[in-house]
Structure formats: structure tokens, C-alpha cells
Amino acid sequence: MDAYKGQNNIKKLAKRAGVFLIPGEEIKVFENSGEKEGVRGNNEKKKIAGEVVAYFLQKPIAPATFEEVLDLVHAEGALLSCPHPFDWPRKNFGQFPKLWKKFDCMETYNARAYYRGLNKKAQKFSERSEVSGNIACLGVSDAHTPEEIGNGLTEINAGNEEEFRKEIKKCRTKAIPNAKAKFWHHFQTQLAKRDWMKER
């Protein structure tokens, strides 16, 4: 949500470019119990269960347990999505297959998935009889660099925020695979994490 602050925040840039913007963020989810490791909080390290994404957020949500995150998302009137649900190399939320009914949408195509089979697994899950039509499917670029924007697309018939929200709630979306992130894009992410590369 830091991208929404400052003189050149993303809202102003989007408006200048004539692009419709849905505010959101990726949120770390803590396990309810067990060994502590990962992110530090309250003088101890808590084990990460994975990550979720909230759309239509008004303010950021700090890492918390799934139940706490869900309550905060609902309190803001936001929508909850599961990013790369079966992409185990990238902090997928492993409990998604059991808790999918708590989500409004899921990514069935993520352009940064390391293996094509991980997206196929998400697609097959969304096609199950009990799942199909009960959760919106998204195609996302998960872009970490400008060149990746548009690698994953979601087709939706909406022209404003309320229409977007309505169509997602009614599961009237279509994920469109456009391209896959290349090795160089993943490599740039690692360079940026180590401050060996400037943000663009």
C-alpha cells in the first residue's frame, strides 16, 4: 500500500494514464500455532502459512492469522483472493483447498509461476463441479518489472469500481494467459531484494 502514498503515488499515475486502478495488497498469513519462524512480531518469530491478496482495500492490513485477515478484509468491504494457490516454491497458502469457500477469487493463471503445471493445477481445481461458478478466476501478471505487465490478464465486463466488484462476486471473469515471466525477470527480483538493482 506504500505505492498509494506521496506525490507520485500510483493513483495519480493511473489517473494521468487513463488507467482504472483497484487498490490492493499481498498479505502474509501466520499459522495459528506451532513452531515460530519467519516474520518477527511481539518479540517472537511467527511461522508463515502463506500469502493472500485483498482487493478494494482502503488501508493496509498487517500480517495476521487467516481468521484475523479475513475479518479485517470483510470489515473494509474488500475482496479476498488466493494468489498462485498451488505454487509451492512461492509461499502459496496451503490451506486454500480446504478454505476456498472463504475466498472471492483465485488465480488460475499467474505469469510468474515457476512451472506450467502449477497453473494447470489451479485451473483444474477451479473446474471442479463444487468450485466452478462459486469463485472468480483471475489471470495476473504478478509483475515485478515493467516488461511483465500484461503477461496475465483477466477479462471482465466492467467500467467502474462497483461493476468490477459486482462481476467478481458473481464469478463472471475469465483468466487469459498471455505470456510467462522469463528467467531474467526472476533474477531481477533477487537483485532488487539485495538492493543491487534500482527500482524502475
N, C-alpha and C. Protein backbone atom coordinates (compact mmCIF):
# COMPACT_ATOMS: atom_id res chain seq x y z
N MET A 1 0.82 -1.20 0.00
CA MET A 1 0.00 0.00 0.00
C MET A 1 0.86 1.27 0.00
N ASP A 2 2.18 1.12 0.17
CA ASP A 2 3.06 2.29 0.14
C ASP A 2 3.01 2.99 -1.22
N ALA A 3 2.63 2.25 -2.25
CA ALA A 3 2.57 2.83 -3.59
C ALA A 3 1.48 3.88 -3.72
N TYR A 4 0.59 3.95 -2.72
CA TYR A 4 -0.52 4.91 -2.76
C TYR A 4 -0.17 6.21 -2.02
N LYS A 5 1.07 6.32 -1.56
CA LYS A 5 1.49 7.50 -0.81
C LYS A 5 2.40 8.38 -1.66
N GLY A 6 2.55 9.63 -1.24
CA GLY A 6 3.50 10.53 -1.88
C GLY A 6 2.97 11.24 -3.12
N GLN A 7 3.79 12.16 -3.63
CA GLN A 7 3.41 12.99 -4.77
C GLN A 7 3.18 12.17 -6.03
N ASN A 8 4.04 11.17 -6.26
CA ASN A 8 3.92 10.35 -7.47
C ASN A 8 3.32 9.00 -7.16
N ASN A 9 2.29 8.97 -6.31
CA ASN A 9 1.70 7.69 -5.95
C ASN A 9 0.95 7.10 -7.15
N ILE A 10 0.70 5.82 -7.05
CA ILE A 10 0.19 5.07 -8.20
C ILE A 10 -1.22 5.51 -8.62
N LYS A 11 -2.00 6.06 -7.67
CA LYS A 11 -3.33 6.55 -8.03
C LYS A 11 -3.23 7.71 -9.01
N LYS A 12 -2.31 8.64 -8.72
CA LYS A 12 -2.14 9.80 -9.59
C LYS A 12 -1.58 9.38 -10.95
N LEU A 13 -0.64 8.44 -10.93
CA LEU A 13 -0.05 7.96 -12.18
C LEU A 13 -1.10 7.26 -13.05
N ALA A 14 -1.96 6.47 -12.40
CA ALA A 14 -3.02 5.75 -13.13
C ALA A 14 -4.01 6.74 -13.75
N LYS A 15 -4.38 7.76 -12.97
CA LYS A 15 -5.33 8.76 -13.46
C LYS A 15 -4.75 9.51 -14.65
N ARG A 16 -3.47 9.83 -14.57
CA ARG A 16 -2.78 10.54 -15.65
C ARG A 16 -2.76 9.69 -16.92
N ALA A 17 -2.62 8.36 -16.73
CA ALA A 17 -2.53 7.45 -17.89
C ALA A 17 -3.89 6.96 -18.36
N GLY A 18 -4.95 7.35 -17.63
CA GLY A 18 -6.30 6.90 -18.00
C GLY A 18 -6.53 5.43 -17.71
N VAL A 19 -5.89 4.93 -16.66
CA VAL A 19 -6.00 3.51 -16.28
C VAL A 19 -6.85 3.38 -15.02
N PHE A 20 -7.80 2.44 -15.05
CA PHE A 20 -8.61 2.17 -13.85
C PHE A 20 -7.80 1.35 -12.86
N LEU A 21 -7.81 1.76 -11.61
CA LEU A 21 -6.96 1.13 -10.60
C LEU A 21 -7.79 0.56 -9.46
N ILE A 22 -7.49 -0.69 -9.09
CA ILE A 22 -8.11 -1.32 -7.92
C ILE A 22 -7.05 -1.43 -6.84
N PRO A 23 -7.20 -0.71 -5.72
CA PRO A 23 -6.19 -0.80 -4.66
C PRO A 23 -6.21 -2.15 -3.97
N GLY A 24 -5.03 -2.68 -3.68
CA GLY A 24 -4.95 -3.97 -3.01
C GLY A 24 -3.55 -4.24 -2.53
N GLU A 25 -3.38 -5.34 -1.83
CA GLU A 25 -2.04 -5.71 -1.39
C GLU A 25 -1.96 -7.20 -1.06
N GLU A 26 -0.74 -7.70 -1.07
CA GLU A 26 -0.46 -9.09 -0.70
C GLU A 26 -0.22 -9.10 0.81
N ILE A 27 -0.87 -10.04 1.51
CA ILE A 27 -0.81 -10.07 2.97
C ILE A 27 -0.26 -11.41 3.44
N LYS A 28 0.74 -11.37 4.30
CA LYS A 28 1.28 -12.60 4.88
C LYS A 28 0.30 -13.15 5.93
N VAL A 29 0.15 -14.47 5.92
CA VAL A 29 -0.75 -15.14 6.85
C VAL A 29 0.07 -16.00 7.81
N PHE A 30 -0.14 -15.81 9.11
CA PHE A 30 0.55 -16.59 10.12
C PHE A 30 -0.21 -17.88 10.41
N GLU A 31 0.53 -18.91 10.77
CA GLU A 31 -0.11 -20.13 11.26
C GLU A 31 -0.66 -19.86 12.65
N ASN A 32 -1.71 -20.56 13.03
CA ASN A 32 -2.34 -20.35 14.33
C ASN A 32 -1.49 -20.85 15.48
N SER A 33 -0.71 -21.91 15.22
CA SER A 33 0.10 -22.48 16.29
C SER A 33 1.29 -23.19 15.68
N GLY A 34 2.15 -23.73 16.53
CA GLY A 34 3.29 -24.48 16.04
C GLY A 34 4.58 -23.72 16.28
N GLU A 35 5.63 -24.19 15.64
CA GLU A 35 6.94 -23.58 15.80
C GLU A 35 6.94 -22.17 15.23
N LYS A 36 7.75 -21.30 15.82
CA LYS A 36 7.84 -19.92 15.41
C LYS A 36 9.06 -19.71 14.51
N GLU A 37 8.81 -19.07 13.35
CA GLU A 37 9.91 -18.70 12.46
C GLU A 37 9.37 -17.75 11.42
N GLY A 38 10.26 -17.06 10.72
CA GLY A 38 9.81 -16.19 9.64
C GLY A 38 9.74 -14.74 10.04
N VAL A 39 8.55 -14.16 10.15
CA VAL A 39 8.39 -12.74 10.42
C VAL A 39 8.33 -12.47 11.91
N ARG A 40 9.04 -11.48 12.36
CA ARG A 40 9.10 -11.17 13.78
C ARG A 40 7.91 -10.30 14.19
N GLY A 41 7.30 -10.61 15.32
CA GLY A 41 6.20 -9.80 15.85
C GLY A 41 6.01 -10.11 17.32
N ASN A 42 5.79 -9.07 18.13
CA ASN A 42 5.63 -9.25 19.57
C ASN A 42 6.80 -10.01 20.18
N ASN A 43 8.01 -9.62 19.74
CA ASN A 43 9.26 -10.19 20.27
C ASN A 43 9.43 -11.68 19.98
N GLU A 44 8.72 -12.22 19.03
CA GLU A 44 8.92 -13.62 18.66
C GLU A 44 8.71 -13.77 17.16
N LYS A 45 9.20 -14.86 16.62
CA LYS A 45 9.06 -15.11 15.18
C LYS A 45 7.88 -16.04 14.95
N LYS A 46 7.02 -15.67 14.01
CA LYS A 46 5.84 -16.47 13.75
C LYS A 46 5.96 -17.18 12.41
N LYS A 47 5.49 -18.40 12.35
CA LYS A 47 5.59 -19.20 11.14
C LYS A 47 4.58 -18.72 10.11
N ILE A 48 5.05 -18.56 8.87
CA ILE A 48 4.20 -18.09 7.78
C ILE A 48 3.45 -19.26 7.15
N ALA A 49 2.13 -19.13 7.03
CA ALA A 49 1.31 -20.17 6.40
C ALA A 49 1.17 -19.93 4.90
N GLY A 50 1.51 -18.73 4.45
CA GLY A 50 1.39 -18.38 3.04
C GLY A 50 0.97 -16.93 2.88
N GLU A 51 0.46 -16.60 1.71
CA GLU A 51 0.04 -15.22 1.43
C GLU A 51 -1.33 -15.21 0.75
N VAL A 52 -2.07 -14.14 1.00
CA VAL A 52 -3.35 -13.92 0.32
C VAL A 52 -3.32 -12.50 -0.23
N VAL A 53 -4.27 -12.19 -1.11
CA VAL A 53 -4.36 -10.85 -1.69
C VAL A 53 -5.75 -10.29 -1.41
N ALA A 54 -5.80 -9.02 -1.01
CA ALA A 54 -7.07 -8.33 -0.81
C ALA A 54 -7.20 -7.21 -1.83
N TYR A 55 -8.37 -7.12 -2.49
CA TYR A 55 -8.65 -6.06 -3.46
C TYR A 55 -9.69 -5.10 -2.90
N PHE A 56 -9.65 -3.86 -3.37
CA PHE A 56 -10.56 -2.79 -2.93
C PHE A 56 -10.28 -2.41 -1.48
N LEU A 57 -9.01 -2.46 -1.10
CA LEU A 57 -8.62 -2.07 0.26
C LEU A 57 -8.58 -0.54 0.39
N GLN A 58 -8.86 -0.06 1.59
CA GLN A 58 -8.76 1.36 1.89
C GLN A 58 -7.53 1.66 2.75
N LYS A 59 -7.09 0.65 3.51
CA LYS A 59 -5.89 0.82 4.34
C LYS A 59 -5.18 -0.53 4.43
N PRO A 60 -3.89 -0.51 4.68
CA PRO A 60 -3.12 -1.76 4.72
C PRO A 60 -3.51 -2.68 5.86
N ILE A 61 -3.28 -3.98 5.67
CA ILE A 61 -3.55 -4.99 6.69
C ILE A 61 -2.23 -5.66 7.06
N ALA A 62 -1.90 -5.65 8.33
CA ALA A 62 -0.65 -6.25 8.80
C ALA A 62 -0.76 -7.77 8.79
N PRO A 63 0.37 -8.48 8.73
CA PRO A 63 0.34 -9.94 8.81
C PRO A 63 -0.40 -10.42 10.04
N ALA A 64 -1.21 -11.47 9.86
CA ALA A 64 -2.03 -12.00 10.96
C ALA A 64 -2.46 -13.42 10.61
N THR A 65 -3.21 -14.07 11.48
CA THR A 65 -3.73 -15.40 11.16
C THR A 65 -4.79 -15.25 10.08
N PHE A 66 -5.15 -16.35 9.44
CA PHE A 66 -6.13 -16.28 8.36
C PHE A 66 -7.47 -15.71 8.85
N GLU A 67 -7.92 -16.16 9.99
CA GLU A 67 -9.20 -15.69 10.54
C GLU A 67 -9.18 -14.19 10.79
N GLU A 68 -8.05 -13.70 11.31
CA GLU A 68 -7.91 -12.26 11.57
C GLU A 68 -7.88 -11.46 10.28
N VAL A 69 -7.12 -11.96 9.29
CA VAL A 69 -7.05 -11.29 7.99
C VAL A 69 -8.43 -11.25 7.35
N LEU A 70 -9.14 -12.37 7.40
CA LEU A 70 -10.47 -12.45 6.80
C LEU A 70 -11.42 -11.43 7.43
N ASP A 71 -11.39 -11.31 8.75
CA ASP A 71 -12.24 -10.33 9.44
C ASP A 71 -11.91 -8.91 9.02
N LEU A 72 -10.62 -8.61 8.90
CA LEU A 72 -10.19 -7.26 8.52
C LEU A 72 -10.56 -6.94 7.08
N VAL A 73 -10.44 -7.93 6.21
CA VAL A 73 -10.80 -7.75 4.80
C VAL A 73 -12.30 -7.45 4.70
N HIS A 74 -13.12 -8.23 5.40
CA HIS A 74 -14.57 -8.03 5.38
C HIS A 74 -14.95 -6.68 6.00
N ALA A 75 -14.22 -6.28 7.03
CA ALA A 75 -14.52 -5.01 7.70
C ALA A 75 -14.31 -3.83 6.75
N GLU A 76 -13.39 -3.98 5.81
CA GLU A 76 -13.13 -2.92 4.82
C GLU A 76 -14.02 -3.05 3.59
N GLY A 77 -14.81 -4.11 3.54
CA GLY A 77 -15.63 -4.33 2.35
C GLY A 77 -14.79 -4.74 1.15
N ALA A 78 -13.62 -5.31 1.42
CA ALA A 78 -12.70 -5.72 0.36
C ALA A 78 -12.99 -7.16 -0.07
N LEU A 79 -12.34 -7.60 -1.14
CA LEU A 79 -12.49 -8.97 -1.65
C LEU A 79 -11.20 -9.73 -1.45
N LEU A 80 -11.31 -11.01 -1.13
CA LEU A 80 -10.15 -11.83 -0.84
C LEU A 80 -9.84 -12.78 -1.98
N SER A 81 -8.57 -12.81 -2.37
CA SER A 81 -8.11 -13.69 -3.45
C SER A 81 -6.95 -14.55 -2.98
N CYS A 82 -6.84 -15.73 -3.58
CA CYS A 82 -5.69 -16.61 -3.29
C CYS A 82 -4.71 -16.53 -4.45
N PRO A 83 -3.52 -15.97 -4.24
CA PRO A 83 -2.52 -15.89 -5.30
C PRO A 83 -1.80 -17.22 -5.51
N HIS A 84 -1.50 -17.52 -6.76
CA HIS A 84 -0.79 -18.76 -7.13
C HIS A 84 -1.02 -19.87 -6.11
N PRO A 85 -2.26 -20.38 -6.01
CA PRO A 85 -2.66 -21.28 -4.91
C PRO A 85 -1.87 -22.58 -4.78
N PHE A 86 -1.27 -23.07 -5.86
CA PHE A 86 -0.54 -24.34 -5.78
C PHE A 86 0.95 -24.16 -6.09
N ASP A 87 1.41 -22.92 -6.11
CA ASP A 87 2.80 -22.62 -6.45
C ASP A 87 3.67 -22.73 -5.19
N TRP A 88 3.98 -23.96 -4.79
CA TRP A 88 4.68 -24.20 -3.54
C TRP A 88 6.05 -23.53 -3.41
N PRO A 89 6.77 -23.23 -4.52
CA PRO A 89 8.05 -22.54 -4.33
C PRO A 89 7.89 -21.07 -3.91
N ARG A 90 6.64 -20.53 -3.99
CA ARG A 90 6.46 -19.10 -3.76
C ARG A 90 5.40 -18.79 -2.70
N LYS A 91 5.52 -19.40 -1.54
CA LYS A 91 4.68 -19.07 -0.39
C LYS A 91 3.18 -19.16 -0.68
N ASN A 92 2.78 -20.22 -1.37
CA ASN A 92 1.34 -20.37 -1.60
C ASN A 92 0.63 -20.67 -0.28
N PHE A 93 -0.65 -20.31 -0.20
CA PHE A 93 -1.43 -20.57 1.01
C PHE A 93 -1.93 -22.00 0.95
N GLY A 94 -1.26 -22.89 1.64
CA GLY A 94 -1.50 -24.33 1.53
C GLY A 94 -2.88 -24.79 1.97
N GLN A 95 -3.57 -23.98 2.76
CA GLN A 95 -4.89 -24.38 3.25
C GLN A 95 -6.02 -24.01 2.29
N PHE A 96 -5.65 -23.40 1.15
CA PHE A 96 -6.68 -22.95 0.21
C PHE A 96 -7.65 -24.05 -0.21
N PRO A 97 -7.19 -25.27 -0.56
CA PRO A 97 -8.15 -26.30 -0.98
C PRO A 97 -9.23 -26.60 0.06
N LYS A 98 -8.92 -26.40 1.35
CA LYS A 98 -9.91 -26.64 2.40
C LYS A 98 -10.76 -25.40 2.67
N LEU A 99 -10.17 -24.21 2.46
CA LEU A 99 -10.84 -22.96 2.84
C LEU A 99 -11.29 -22.13 1.64
N TRP A 100 -11.34 -22.73 0.45
CA TRP A 100 -11.61 -21.95 -0.75
C TRP A 100 -12.94 -21.19 -0.70
N LYS A 101 -13.91 -21.70 0.04
CA LYS A 101 -15.21 -21.04 0.12
C LYS A 101 -15.13 -19.68 0.83
N LYS A 102 -14.04 -19.44 1.55
CA LYS A 102 -13.85 -18.16 2.24
C LYS A 102 -13.33 -17.08 1.28
N PHE A 103 -12.93 -17.50 0.07
CA PHE A 103 -12.33 -16.58 -0.90
C PHE A 103 -13.35 -16.13 -1.94
N ASP A 104 -13.16 -14.91 -2.43
CA ASP A 104 -14.00 -14.39 -3.52
C ASP A 104 -13.43 -14.76 -4.88
N CYS A 105 -12.12 -14.89 -4.96
CA CYS A 105 -11.47 -15.21 -6.24
C CYS A 105 -10.16 -15.95 -6.02
N MET A 106 -9.65 -16.52 -7.10
CA MET A 106 -8.39 -17.25 -7.06
C MET A 106 -7.66 -17.04 -8.38
N GLU A 107 -6.35 -17.11 -8.34
CA GLU A 107 -5.57 -17.00 -9.57
C GLU A 107 -5.47 -18.37 -10.23
N THR A 108 -6.00 -18.47 -11.43
CA THR A 108 -5.84 -19.72 -12.18
C THR A 108 -4.71 -19.58 -13.19
N TYR A 109 -4.24 -18.34 -13.40
CA TYR A 109 -3.03 -18.13 -14.20
C TYR A 109 -2.20 -17.03 -13.55
N ASN A 110 -0.99 -17.39 -13.17
CA ASN A 110 -0.02 -16.43 -12.64
C ASN A 110 1.22 -16.52 -13.52
N ALA A 111 1.56 -15.41 -14.16
CA ALA A 111 2.65 -15.42 -15.14
C ALA A 111 4.01 -15.71 -14.52
N ARG A 112 4.10 -15.62 -13.20
CA ARG A 112 5.39 -15.86 -12.54
C ARG A 112 5.49 -17.27 -11.93
N ALA A 113 4.52 -18.10 -12.18
CA ALA A 113 4.60 -19.49 -11.70
C ALA A 113 5.85 -20.14 -12.29
N TYR A 114 6.60 -20.81 -11.45
CA TYR A 114 7.86 -21.40 -11.92
C TYR A 114 7.63 -22.54 -12.91
N TYR A 115 6.54 -23.29 -12.70
CA TYR A 115 6.26 -24.43 -13.56
C TYR A 115 4.84 -24.32 -14.12
N ARG A 116 4.67 -24.62 -15.39
CA ARG A 116 3.35 -24.51 -16.04
C ARG A 116 2.31 -25.39 -15.34
N GLY A 117 2.76 -26.53 -14.83
CA GLY A 117 1.84 -27.45 -14.18
C GLY A 117 1.15 -26.87 -12.96
N LEU A 118 1.79 -25.86 -12.32
CA LEU A 118 1.20 -25.26 -11.13
C LEU A 118 -0.03 -24.44 -11.48
N ASN A 119 0.02 -23.75 -12.63
CA ASN A 119 -1.16 -23.02 -13.11
C ASN A 119 -2.25 -24.01 -13.57
N LYS A 120 -1.82 -25.08 -14.21
CA LYS A 120 -2.79 -26.08 -14.68
C LYS A 120 -3.53 -26.71 -13.50
N LYS A 121 -2.81 -26.90 -12.40
CA LYS A 121 -3.43 -27.47 -11.21
C LYS A 121 -4.49 -26.52 -10.66
N ALA A 122 -4.19 -25.23 -10.68
CA ALA A 122 -5.16 -24.22 -10.22
C ALA A 122 -6.38 -24.21 -11.13
N GLN A 123 -6.14 -24.30 -12.44
CA GLN A 123 -7.24 -24.30 -13.40
C GLN A 123 -8.14 -25.52 -13.20
N LYS A 124 -7.51 -26.68 -13.01
CA LYS A 124 -8.30 -27.91 -12.79
C LYS A 124 -9.11 -27.82 -11.51
N PHE A 125 -8.53 -27.22 -10.48
CA PHE A 125 -9.25 -27.07 -9.22
C PHE A 125 -10.50 -26.21 -9.43
N SER A 126 -10.34 -25.12 -10.20
CA SER A 126 -11.46 -24.20 -10.43
C SER A 126 -12.57 -24.85 -11.26
N GLU A 127 -12.24 -25.92 -11.98
CA GLU A 127 -13.22 -26.60 -12.83
C GLU A 127 -13.97 -27.71 -12.11
N ARG A 128 -13.62 -27.98 -10.86
CA ARG A 128 -14.36 -28.99 -10.10
C ARG A 128 -15.82 -28.59 -10.00
N SER A 129 -16.70 -29.55 -9.99
CA SER A 129 -18.14 -29.26 -10.01
C SER A 129 -18.58 -28.39 -8.83
N GLU A 130 -17.99 -28.62 -7.66
CA GLU A 130 -18.41 -27.86 -6.48
C GLU A 130 -17.77 -26.47 -6.44
N VAL A 131 -16.72 -26.26 -7.25
CA VAL A 131 -15.99 -24.99 -7.24
C VAL A 131 -16.41 -24.08 -8.40
N SER A 132 -16.58 -24.66 -9.56
CA SER A 132 -16.91 -23.88 -10.77
C SER A 132 -18.16 -23.03 -10.57
N GLY A 133 -18.04 -21.74 -10.87
CA GLY A 133 -19.16 -20.83 -10.71
C GLY A 133 -19.34 -20.28 -9.32
N ASN A 134 -18.48 -20.73 -8.38
CA ASN A 134 -18.58 -20.28 -7.00
C ASN A 134 -17.36 -19.50 -6.53
N ILE A 135 -16.41 -19.30 -7.44
CA ILE A 135 -15.23 -18.48 -7.14
C ILE A 135 -14.75 -17.89 -8.46
N ALA A 136 -14.41 -16.61 -8.44
CA ALA A 136 -13.97 -15.93 -9.67
C ALA A 136 -12.53 -16.33 -10.01
N CYS A 137 -12.26 -16.54 -11.28
CA CYS A 137 -10.93 -16.93 -11.75
C CYS A 137 -10.20 -15.71 -12.31
N LEU A 138 -8.96 -15.53 -11.88
CA LEU A 138 -8.17 -14.38 -12.31
C LEU A 138 -6.91 -14.81 -13.04
N GLY A 139 -6.53 -14.00 -14.03
CA GLY A 139 -5.24 -14.13 -14.68
C GLY A 139 -4.42 -12.91 -14.30
N VAL A 140 -3.23 -13.12 -13.75
CA VAL A 140 -2.43 -11.98 -13.27
C VAL A 140 -1.00 -12.06 -13.80
N SER A 141 -0.40 -10.88 -13.94
CA SER A 141 0.99 -10.79 -14.37
C SER A 141 1.93 -10.99 -13.19
N ASP A 142 1.50 -10.54 -11.99
CA ASP A 142 2.36 -10.55 -10.81
C ASP A 142 3.67 -9.84 -11.14
N ALA A 143 3.55 -8.76 -11.91
CA ALA A 143 4.73 -8.08 -12.47
C ALA A 143 5.61 -7.45 -11.41
N HIS A 144 6.90 -7.78 -11.47
CA HIS A 144 7.90 -7.14 -10.63
C HIS A 144 8.73 -6.16 -11.45
N THR A 145 8.57 -6.20 -12.77
CA THR A 145 9.28 -5.30 -13.68
C THR A 145 8.28 -4.76 -14.69
N PRO A 146 8.52 -3.59 -15.26
CA PRO A 146 7.59 -3.01 -16.24
C PRO A 146 7.31 -3.91 -17.44
N GLU A 147 8.32 -4.68 -17.87
CA GLU A 147 8.16 -5.52 -19.06
C GLU A 147 7.16 -6.66 -18.86
N GLU A 148 6.88 -7.00 -17.61
CA GLU A 148 5.98 -8.12 -17.32
C GLU A 148 4.50 -7.74 -17.31
N ILE A 149 4.22 -6.45 -17.27
CA ILE A 149 2.82 -6.01 -17.21
C ILE A 149 2.06 -6.51 -18.43
N GLY A 150 0.93 -7.18 -18.19
CA GLY A 150 0.13 -7.71 -19.29
C GLY A 150 0.40 -9.17 -19.60
N ASN A 151 1.34 -9.78 -18.88
CA ASN A 151 1.62 -11.21 -19.12
C ASN A 151 0.44 -12.09 -18.72
N GLY A 152 -0.30 -11.66 -17.70
CA GLY A 152 -1.51 -12.35 -17.28
C GLY A 152 -2.66 -11.37 -17.27
N LEU A 153 -3.79 -11.74 -17.85
CA LEU A 153 -4.93 -10.83 -17.97
C LEU A 153 -6.20 -11.46 -17.42
N THR A 154 -7.12 -10.61 -17.00
CA THR A 154 -8.45 -11.07 -16.59
C THR A 154 -9.49 -10.32 -17.42
N GLU A 155 -10.32 -11.09 -18.12
CA GLU A 155 -11.38 -10.49 -18.91
C GLU A 155 -12.61 -10.31 -18.03
N ILE A 156 -13.13 -9.07 -18.01
CA ILE A 156 -14.28 -8.76 -17.15
C ILE A 156 -15.06 -7.61 -17.77
N ASN A 157 -16.35 -7.70 -17.75
CA ASN A 157 -17.21 -6.68 -18.36
C ASN A 157 -17.59 -5.65 -17.29
N ALA A 158 -16.73 -4.66 -17.09
CA ALA A 158 -16.95 -3.65 -16.05
C ALA A 158 -16.27 -2.35 -16.44
N GLY A 159 -16.84 -1.23 -15.99
CA GLY A 159 -16.28 0.06 -16.33
C GLY A 159 -15.99 0.95 -15.14
N ASN A 160 -16.38 0.51 -13.95
CA ASN A 160 -16.08 1.28 -12.75
C ASN A 160 -15.92 0.33 -11.57
N GLU A 161 -15.56 0.88 -10.42
CA GLU A 161 -15.24 0.05 -9.26
C GLU A 161 -16.41 -0.83 -8.84
N GLU A 162 -17.61 -0.28 -8.81
CA GLU A 162 -18.77 -1.05 -8.38
C GLU A 162 -19.08 -2.20 -9.33
N GLU A 163 -18.91 -1.95 -10.62
CA GLU A 163 -19.15 -3.01 -11.61
C GLU A 163 -18.09 -4.10 -11.50
N PHE A 164 -16.84 -3.71 -11.26
CA PHE A 164 -15.78 -4.69 -11.07
C PHE A 164 -16.10 -5.59 -9.88
N ARG A 165 -16.46 -4.96 -8.79
CA ARG A 165 -16.78 -5.71 -7.57
C ARG A 165 -17.95 -6.68 -7.82
N LYS A 166 -18.97 -6.20 -8.48
CA LYS A 166 -20.17 -7.00 -8.76
C LYS A 166 -19.84 -8.20 -9.64
N GLU A 167 -19.06 -7.98 -10.71
CA GLU A 167 -18.74 -9.06 -11.63
C GLU A 167 -17.87 -10.13 -10.96
N ILE A 168 -16.95 -9.69 -10.10
CA ILE A 168 -16.11 -10.65 -9.38
C ILE A 168 -16.96 -11.46 -8.42
N LYS A 169 -17.86 -10.80 -7.69
CA LYS A 169 -18.73 -11.50 -6.74
C LYS A 169 -19.62 -12.52 -7.45
N LYS A 170 -20.00 -12.21 -8.69
CA LYS A 170 -20.85 -13.12 -9.47
C LYS A 170 -20.03 -14.12 -10.28
N CYS A 171 -18.70 -14.08 -10.10
CA CYS A 171 -17.78 -15.03 -10.76
C CYS A 171 -17.84 -14.94 -12.28
N ARG A 172 -18.06 -13.74 -12.80
CA ARG A 172 -18.11 -13.55 -14.24
C ARG A 172 -16.79 -12.96 -14.72
N THR A 173 -15.75 -13.79 -14.62
CA THR A 173 -14.41 -13.40 -15.04
C THR A 173 -13.79 -14.52 -15.87
N LYS A 174 -12.77 -14.17 -16.62
CA LYS A 174 -12.06 -15.18 -17.41
C LYS A 174 -10.57 -14.88 -17.37
N ALA A 175 -9.78 -15.85 -16.94
CA ALA A 175 -8.33 -15.70 -16.90
C ALA A 175 -7.75 -15.93 -18.28
N ILE A 176 -6.85 -15.03 -18.70
CA ILE A 176 -6.24 -15.13 -20.03
C ILE A 176 -4.72 -15.21 -19.91
N PRO A 177 -4.12 -16.37 -20.19
CA PRO A 177 -2.65 -16.49 -20.21
C PRO A 177 -2.12 -15.74 -21.43
N ASN A 178 -1.22 -14.82 -21.23
CA ASN A 178 -0.68 -14.04 -22.34
C ASN A 178 0.79 -14.35 -22.59
N ALA A 179 1.56 -14.46 -21.50
CA ALA A 179 2.99 -14.77 -21.60
C ALA A 179 3.47 -15.22 -20.24
N LYS A 180 4.66 -15.81 -20.21
CA LYS A 180 5.23 -16.29 -18.95
C LYS A 180 6.48 -15.47 -18.62
N ALA A 181 6.65 -15.14 -17.35
CA ALA A 181 7.85 -14.42 -16.93
C ALA A 181 9.09 -15.25 -17.26
N LYS A 182 10.12 -14.57 -17.69
CA LYS A 182 11.37 -15.24 -18.07
C LYS A 182 12.35 -15.27 -16.90
N PHE A 183 13.38 -16.07 -17.06
CA PHE A 183 14.39 -16.21 -16.01
C PHE A 183 14.95 -14.85 -15.59
N TRP A 184 15.19 -13.96 -16.57
CA TRP A 184 15.77 -12.66 -16.28
C TRP A 184 14.87 -11.85 -15.35
N HIS A 185 13.57 -11.98 -15.50
CA HIS A 185 12.65 -11.24 -14.65
C HIS A 185 12.75 -11.72 -13.20
N HIS A 186 12.84 -13.05 -13.00
CA HIS A 186 13.00 -13.59 -11.65
C HIS A 186 14.35 -13.15 -11.06
N PHE A 187 15.36 -13.12 -11.91
CA PHE A 187 16.71 -12.74 -11.47
C PHE A 187 16.72 -11.28 -11.02
N GLN A 188 16.01 -10.42 -11.73
CA GLN A 188 15.94 -9.01 -11.36
C GLN A 188 15.30 -8.84 -9.98
N THR A 189 14.31 -9.67 -9.67
CA THR A 189 13.67 -9.61 -8.36
C THR A 189 14.68 -9.89 -7.26
N GLN A 190 15.52 -10.90 -7.46
CA GLN A 190 16.53 -11.24 -6.46
C GLN A 190 17.56 -10.13 -6.31
N LEU A 191 17.91 -9.48 -7.42
CA LEU A 191 18.85 -8.35 -7.35
C LEU A 191 18.24 -7.20 -6.57
N ALA A 192 16.96 -6.92 -6.81
CA ALA A 192 16.27 -5.82 -6.13
C ALA A 192 16.15 -6.08 -4.63
N LYS A 193 15.90 -7.35 -4.26
CA LYS A 193 15.78 -7.71 -2.85
C LYS A 193 17.08 -7.43 -2.10
N ARG A 194 18.20 -7.54 -2.79
CA ARG A 194 19.51 -7.33 -2.18
C ARG A 194 20.01 -5.89 -2.40
N ASP A 195 19.11 -5.05 -2.92
CA ASP A 195 19.46 -3.65 -3.20
C ASP A 195 20.63 -3.54 -4.18
N TRP A 196 20.74 -4.51 -5.07
CA TRP A 196 21.78 -4.47 -6.11
C TRP A 196 21.22 -3.90 -7.42
N MET A 197 19.95 -3.53 -7.38
CA MET A 197 19.31 -3.00 -8.57
C MET A 197 18.30 -1.95 -8.16
N LYS A 198 18.25 -0.83 -8.86
CA LYS A 198 17.33 0.25 -8.53
C LYS A 198 15.93 -0.08 -9.00
N GLU A 199 14.92 0.45 -8.27
CA GLU A 199 13.54 0.29 -8.70
C GLU A 199 13.32 1.07 -9.99
N ARG A 200 12.40 0.51 -10.84
CA ARG A 200 12.07 1.21 -12.09
C ARG A 200 10.59 1.51 -12.13
